[in-house]
N, C-alpha and C. Protein backbone atom coordinates (compact mmCIF):
# COMPACT_ATOMS: atom_id res chain seq x y z
N MET A 1 11.64 -5.60 24.64
CA MET A 1 11.82 -4.40 23.77
C MET A 1 10.96 -3.15 23.19
N THR A 2 11.44 -1.74 23.03
CA THR A 2 11.15 -0.92 22.84
C THR A 2 10.77 -0.16 21.77
N LEU A 3 9.58 0.81 21.87
CA LEU A 3 9.74 1.00 20.22
C LEU A 3 10.86 2.19 20.51
N LYS A 4 11.86 2.61 19.15
CA LYS A 4 12.40 3.64 19.37
C LYS A 4 12.53 4.88 18.27
N ARG A 5 12.66 5.75 18.48
CA ARG A 5 12.78 6.68 16.89
C ARG A 5 13.74 6.53 16.33
N VAL A 6 14.12 6.70 15.17
CA VAL A 6 15.23 6.00 14.31
C VAL A 6 15.36 7.10 12.91
N ILE A 7 14.10 7.55 12.65
CA ILE A 7 14.19 8.44 11.66
C ILE A 7 13.03 9.68 11.38
N THR A 8 13.58 10.97 11.17
CA THR A 8 12.56 12.02 11.88
C THR A 8 12.99 13.08 10.47
N GLU A 9 12.06 13.11 9.58
CA GLU A 9 12.07 13.74 7.97
C GLU A 9 11.04 15.04 8.13
N PHE A 10 11.14 15.99 8.08
CA PHE A 10 10.41 17.23 7.73
C PHE A 10 10.34 17.97 6.26
N GLY A 11 9.09 17.80 6.03
CA GLY A 11 8.87 18.61 4.69
C GLY A 11 7.73 19.89 4.63
N THR A 12 7.88 20.40 3.40
CA THR A 12 6.57 21.41 3.10
C THR A 12 6.60 21.12 1.91
N GLY A 13 4.86 21.33 1.60
CA GLY A 13 4.08 21.37 0.23
C GLY A 13 3.14 21.78 0.44
N ASN A 14 2.98 22.75 -1.12
CA ASN A 14 1.52 23.43 -1.26
C ASN A 14 0.60 23.05 -2.05
N ASP A 15 -0.59 24.01 -2.23
CA ASP A 15 -1.02 24.11 -3.23
C ASP A 15 -1.42 25.37 -3.43
N LEU A 16 -0.81 25.82 -4.80
CA LEU A 16 -0.95 27.42 -5.02
C LEU A 16 -2.29 27.82 -5.19
N HIS A 17 -3.17 27.10 -5.99
CA HIS A 17 -4.70 27.29 -6.59
C HIS A 17 -5.27 26.31 -6.30
N GLY A 18 -6.41 26.80 -5.63
CA GLY A 18 -7.18 25.90 -5.33
C GLY A 18 -7.67 25.80 -3.99
N GLY A 19 -7.21 25.79 -2.67
CA GLY A 19 -6.93 25.62 -1.17
C GLY A 19 -7.61 24.70 -1.03
N ASP A 20 -6.35 23.45 -1.68
CA ASP A 20 -6.68 22.38 -0.69
C ASP A 20 -5.70 21.77 -0.16
N TYR A 21 -6.05 21.71 1.36
CA TYR A 21 -5.22 21.10 2.70
C TYR A 21 -4.69 19.69 2.03
N THR A 22 -5.32 18.93 1.96
CA THR A 22 -4.99 17.81 1.43
C THR A 22 -3.98 17.34 0.42
N LYS A 23 -4.40 17.91 -0.42
CA LYS A 23 -3.11 18.11 -1.59
C LYS A 23 -1.53 18.82 -1.20
N ALA A 24 -1.97 20.15 -0.01
CA ALA A 24 -0.53 20.28 0.01
C ALA A 24 -0.35 19.60 1.21
N ALA A 25 -0.49 18.99 2.16
CA ALA A 25 -0.67 18.29 3.08
C ALA A 25 0.52 16.83 2.27
N VAL A 26 -0.40 16.15 1.56
CA VAL A 26 0.53 15.19 0.74
C VAL A 26 1.56 15.19 -0.07
N ARG A 27 1.57 16.44 -0.32
CA ARG A 27 3.12 17.24 -1.39
C ARG A 27 4.08 17.32 0.05
N ALA A 28 3.63 17.68 1.28
CA ALA A 28 4.60 17.80 2.65
C ALA A 28 5.34 16.63 2.63
N VAL A 29 4.36 15.39 3.00
CA VAL A 29 5.05 14.27 3.35
C VAL A 29 5.91 14.03 2.15
N GLN A 30 5.27 13.63 0.93
CA GLN A 30 6.07 13.27 -0.23
C GLN A 30 7.31 14.01 0.01
N ASP A 31 7.74 15.34 0.18
CA ASP A 31 8.76 15.75 -0.19
C ASP A 31 9.85 15.47 1.40
N ALA A 32 9.06 15.36 2.30
CA ALA A 32 9.68 14.80 3.62
C ALA A 32 10.47 13.45 3.18
N ILE A 33 9.32 12.32 2.83
CA ILE A 33 10.02 10.79 2.55
C ILE A 33 11.21 10.87 1.61
N HIS A 34 11.33 12.43 0.59
CA HIS A 34 12.11 11.96 -0.75
C HIS A 34 13.48 12.79 -0.74
N HIS A 35 13.79 12.73 1.01
CA HIS A 35 14.94 13.69 1.32
C HIS A 35 15.59 12.01 2.46
N SER A 36 15.07 10.92 2.50
CA SER A 36 15.30 9.86 3.18
C SER A 36 15.64 8.33 2.42
N SER A 37 16.37 7.63 2.72
CA SER A 37 16.45 5.93 2.70
C SER A 37 16.02 5.30 3.93
N LEU A 38 15.68 3.92 3.11
CA LEU A 38 15.67 3.33 4.70
C LEU A 38 16.51 2.16 4.41
N SER A 39 17.89 2.41 4.50
CA SER A 39 18.94 1.64 3.85
C SER A 39 19.28 0.87 5.50
N LEU A 40 19.14 1.56 6.80
CA LEU A 40 18.63 0.94 7.80
C LEU A 40 18.32 0.38 8.04
N ILE A 41 16.92 0.28 7.50
CA ILE A 41 15.87 -0.67 7.52
C ILE A 41 16.31 -1.92 6.90
N ARG A 42 16.63 -1.80 6.08
CA ARG A 42 17.14 -2.76 4.85
C ARG A 42 18.38 -3.38 5.48
N SER A 43 19.79 -2.39 6.03
CA SER A 43 20.31 -3.25 6.12
C SER A 43 20.34 -4.00 7.34
N LEU A 44 19.40 -3.67 8.73
CA LEU A 44 19.16 -4.70 9.49
C LEU A 44 18.15 -5.69 9.30
N GLY A 45 17.55 -5.90 8.30
CA GLY A 45 16.94 -7.05 7.44
C GLY A 45 15.37 -7.16 8.82
N ILE A 46 15.24 -5.65 8.90
CA ILE A 46 13.66 -5.42 9.21
C ILE A 46 13.08 -5.43 8.27
N ASP A 47 11.41 -5.53 8.38
CA ASP A 47 10.63 -6.06 7.64
C ASP A 47 9.94 -4.39 7.57
N SER A 48 9.93 -3.73 6.69
CA SER A 48 9.32 -2.22 6.86
C SER A 48 7.86 -1.79 6.94
N GLY A 49 6.89 -3.18 6.82
CA GLY A 49 5.58 -3.53 7.36
C GLY A 49 5.68 -3.37 8.90
N THR A 50 6.54 -3.15 9.45
CA THR A 50 6.68 -3.50 10.85
C THR A 50 6.71 -2.21 11.68
N MET A 51 7.44 -1.04 10.72
CA MET A 51 7.76 0.53 11.19
C MET A 51 6.54 0.95 11.77
N GLN A 52 6.55 1.63 12.65
CA GLN A 52 5.23 2.71 13.52
C GLN A 52 5.67 3.81 12.51
N VAL A 53 4.90 4.42 12.03
CA VAL A 53 5.26 5.76 10.98
C VAL A 53 4.12 6.79 11.99
N GLU A 54 4.42 7.69 12.27
CA GLU A 54 3.69 9.17 12.98
C GLU A 54 3.80 10.40 12.20
N VAL A 55 2.86 10.72 11.29
CA VAL A 55 2.82 11.81 10.46
C VAL A 55 1.86 13.05 11.36
N THR A 56 2.35 14.13 11.27
CA THR A 56 2.10 15.26 11.70
C THR A 56 1.92 16.31 11.05
N ILE A 57 0.99 16.94 10.36
CA ILE A 57 0.47 17.97 9.20
C ILE A 57 0.43 19.22 10.01
N GLY A 58 1.23 20.43 9.68
CA GLY A 58 0.69 21.61 10.38
C GLY A 58 0.09 22.11 9.11
N VAL A 59 -1.28 22.57 9.09
CA VAL A 59 -1.77 23.59 7.87
C VAL A 59 -2.91 24.54 9.23
N GLN A 60 -3.17 25.33 8.50
CA GLN A 60 -4.28 26.53 9.30
C GLN A 60 -5.69 25.75 9.80
N GLN A 61 -6.42 25.05 8.53
CA GLN A 61 -7.55 24.52 9.03
C GLN A 61 -7.43 22.98 8.91
N PRO A 62 -6.85 22.53 10.16
CA PRO A 62 -7.08 20.79 10.17
C PRO A 62 -7.37 19.99 9.45
N ASP A 63 -9.37 20.68 10.23
CA ASP A 63 -10.19 19.34 9.94
C ASP A 63 -10.36 19.54 8.46
N LYS A 64 -9.57 20.25 7.68
CA LYS A 64 -9.82 20.13 6.28
C LYS A 64 -8.59 19.28 5.34
N VAL A 65 -8.25 18.67 5.97
CA VAL A 65 -7.19 17.53 5.80
C VAL A 65 -7.82 15.91 5.65
N ASP A 66 -7.47 15.50 4.62
CA ASP A 66 -8.10 14.13 4.29
C ASP A 66 -6.99 12.73 5.11
N ALA A 67 -7.07 12.77 6.46
CA ALA A 67 -6.09 11.90 6.81
C ALA A 67 -5.89 10.51 6.20
N ALA A 68 -6.91 9.93 5.50
CA ALA A 68 -6.55 8.77 5.16
C ALA A 68 -5.87 9.08 3.66
N ALA A 69 -6.02 9.83 2.75
CA ALA A 69 -5.19 10.16 1.42
C ALA A 69 -4.00 10.39 1.77
N VAL A 70 -3.60 11.10 3.05
CA VAL A 70 -2.30 11.57 3.43
C VAL A 70 -1.29 10.14 3.84
N LYS A 71 -2.29 9.38 4.61
CA LYS A 71 -1.51 7.66 4.92
C LYS A 71 -1.40 6.91 3.68
N ALA A 72 -2.40 7.31 2.57
CA ALA A 72 -1.71 6.56 1.26
C ALA A 72 -0.91 7.02 0.54
N ALA A 73 -0.23 7.98 0.84
CA ALA A 73 1.20 8.96 0.64
C ALA A 73 2.61 7.85 1.23
N LEU A 74 2.73 7.22 1.47
CA LEU A 74 3.41 6.29 2.64
C LEU A 74 3.41 5.03 2.22
N PRO A 75 4.50 4.88 1.22
CA PRO A 75 4.60 3.52 1.06
C PRO A 75 4.98 2.28 1.97
N HIS A 76 5.56 2.56 3.11
CA HIS A 76 5.89 1.35 4.18
C HIS A 76 5.03 1.71 5.70
N GLY A 77 5.03 0.97 6.14
CA GLY A 77 4.47 0.85 7.70
C GLY A 77 3.27 0.87 8.02
N GLN A 78 3.02 1.09 9.21
CA GLN A 78 1.69 0.88 9.97
C GLN A 78 1.67 2.82 10.50
N VAL A 79 1.30 3.08 9.51
CA VAL A 79 1.08 4.78 9.35
C VAL A 79 0.04 5.71 10.53
N ARG A 80 -0.11 6.42 10.99
CA ARG A 80 -0.55 7.49 11.97
C ARG A 80 -0.68 8.44 11.53
N VAL A 81 -1.74 9.51 11.15
CA VAL A 81 -1.85 10.62 10.77
C VAL A 81 -2.57 11.70 11.75
N ARG A 82 -1.85 12.65 11.98
CA ARG A 82 -2.53 13.79 12.66
C ARG A 82 -2.71 15.21 11.89
N ALA A 83 -3.24 15.80 12.07
CA ALA A 83 -3.38 17.37 11.37
C ALA A 83 -3.39 18.14 12.95
N VAL A 84 -2.62 19.01 12.82
CA VAL A 84 -2.73 20.34 13.81
C VAL A 84 -2.61 21.74 12.86
N LYS A 85 -3.02 22.69 14.27
CA LYS A 85 -3.13 24.42 13.24
C LYS A 85 -1.42 24.59 13.34
N GLY A 86 -0.79 25.01 11.65
CA GLY A 86 -0.37 25.47 11.48
C GLY A 86 0.31 26.26 10.35
N GLY A 87 1.43 25.39 9.29
CA GLY A 87 1.39 26.10 8.41
C GLY A 87 1.21 27.32 7.73
N LEU A 88 0.51 28.05 6.59
CA LEU A 88 0.39 29.24 6.19
C LEU A 88 -0.62 29.10 4.86
N ASP A 89 -1.57 30.42 5.21
CA ASP A 89 -2.86 30.66 4.04
C ASP A 89 -2.11 31.66 3.61
N VAL A 90 -2.04 32.02 2.09
CA VAL A 90 -1.63 33.12 1.86
C VAL A 90 -2.54 33.79 0.79
N PRO A 91 -3.89 34.59 0.94
CA PRO A 91 -4.60 35.01 0.12
C PRO A 91 -4.16 35.80 -0.77
N ASP A 92 -4.26 35.71 -1.99
CA ASP A 92 -4.27 36.77 -2.97
C ASP A 92 -5.40 37.29 -3.21
N ASP A 93 -5.16 38.82 -3.02
CA ASP A 93 -6.88 39.39 -2.93
C ASP A 93 -7.41 40.08 -4.11
N THR A 94 -6.29 39.76 -5.14
CA THR A 94 -6.68 40.06 -6.22
C THR A 94 -7.80 39.29 -6.94
N SER A 95 -7.09 38.04 -6.82
CA SER A 95 -8.06 37.05 -7.43
C SER A 95 -8.84 36.15 -6.41
N GLY A 96 -8.96 36.78 -5.34
CA GLY A 96 -9.48 35.77 -4.26
C GLY A 96 -9.13 34.15 -3.90
N ASP A 97 -8.08 34.15 -4.65
CA ASP A 97 -7.28 32.58 -4.42
C ASP A 97 -6.77 32.61 -3.26
N VAL A 98 -6.31 31.33 -2.60
CA VAL A 98 -5.31 31.58 -1.71
C VAL A 98 -4.28 30.25 -1.60
N ALA A 99 -3.07 30.50 -1.20
CA ALA A 99 -1.82 29.26 -1.50
C ALA A 99 -2.07 28.70 -0.39
N ILE A 100 -1.82 27.49 0.17
CA ILE A 100 -1.74 26.63 1.04
C ILE A 100 -0.45 26.21 1.77
N ILE A 101 0.31 26.36 2.41
CA ILE A 101 1.35 25.58 2.87
C ILE A 101 1.35 24.87 3.78
N ALA A 102 1.56 23.55 3.88
CA ALA A 102 1.39 22.95 4.91
C ALA A 102 3.18 22.30 5.19
N SER A 103 2.94 21.96 6.37
CA SER A 103 4.71 21.53 7.33
C SER A 103 4.14 19.95 7.14
N ALA A 104 5.54 18.98 7.31
CA ALA A 104 4.94 17.87 7.35
C ALA A 104 6.03 17.13 8.76
N ALA A 105 6.00 16.66 9.46
CA ALA A 105 7.02 15.81 10.02
C ALA A 105 6.41 14.60 10.08
N VAL A 106 7.71 13.51 9.99
CA VAL A 106 7.11 12.12 9.83
C VAL A 106 8.16 11.36 10.27
N THR A 107 8.39 10.78 11.55
CA THR A 107 8.61 9.91 12.20
C THR A 107 8.67 8.43 12.15
N VAL A 108 9.81 7.50 12.17
CA VAL A 108 9.27 6.09 11.96
C VAL A 108 10.38 5.55 13.25
N ARG A 109 9.73 4.49 13.97
CA ARG A 109 9.82 3.77 15.00
C ARG A 109 9.98 2.61 15.25
N LEU A 110 10.77 2.24 15.19
CA LEU A 110 10.99 0.59 15.08
C LEU A 110 11.17 -0.14 16.54
N GLN A 111 10.90 -1.62 16.77
CA GLN A 111 11.36 -2.61 18.32
C GLN A 111 12.75 -2.69 18.03
N LEU A 112 13.03 -2.13 19.12
CA LEU A 112 14.76 -2.89 18.81
C LEU A 112 14.53 -3.02 20.48
N GLY A 113 15.51 -3.66 20.82
CA GLY A 113 16.19 -4.14 21.98
C GLY A 113 16.91 -3.11 23.18
N GLU A 114 16.85 -3.44 24.49
CA GLU A 114 17.35 -2.20 25.42
C GLU A 114 18.80 -2.95 25.51
N LYS A 115 19.14 -1.56 25.75
CA LYS A 115 20.86 -1.85 25.96
C LYS A 115 20.85 -2.33 26.85
N SER A 116 21.69 -3.12 27.39
CA SER A 116 22.37 -3.59 28.46
C SER A 116 23.28 -3.04 29.50
């Protein structure tokens, strides 16, 4: 049995005021997972706790993402979070504020049998 990718979803999230990279990242993950239903997992009778969930977050300052907070946004599976350079910072020169835009890719892998 090997891990096989069965679901990949993408999402975008932002923090319009406050410059919070983690808040934008969590919103991106929530956007991604709200586009998906785990009916495949339920139909196959698979324990959702055994899913391997890989989350990649793209933001301009990856070191400012709290991976534990992003992980907590996922309701199922064994979750790994990785933040990378990406996303977008949109400064407001008038107020000195910055809008943070994060991108998320959420991939689910399951242990499935090999093809014969």
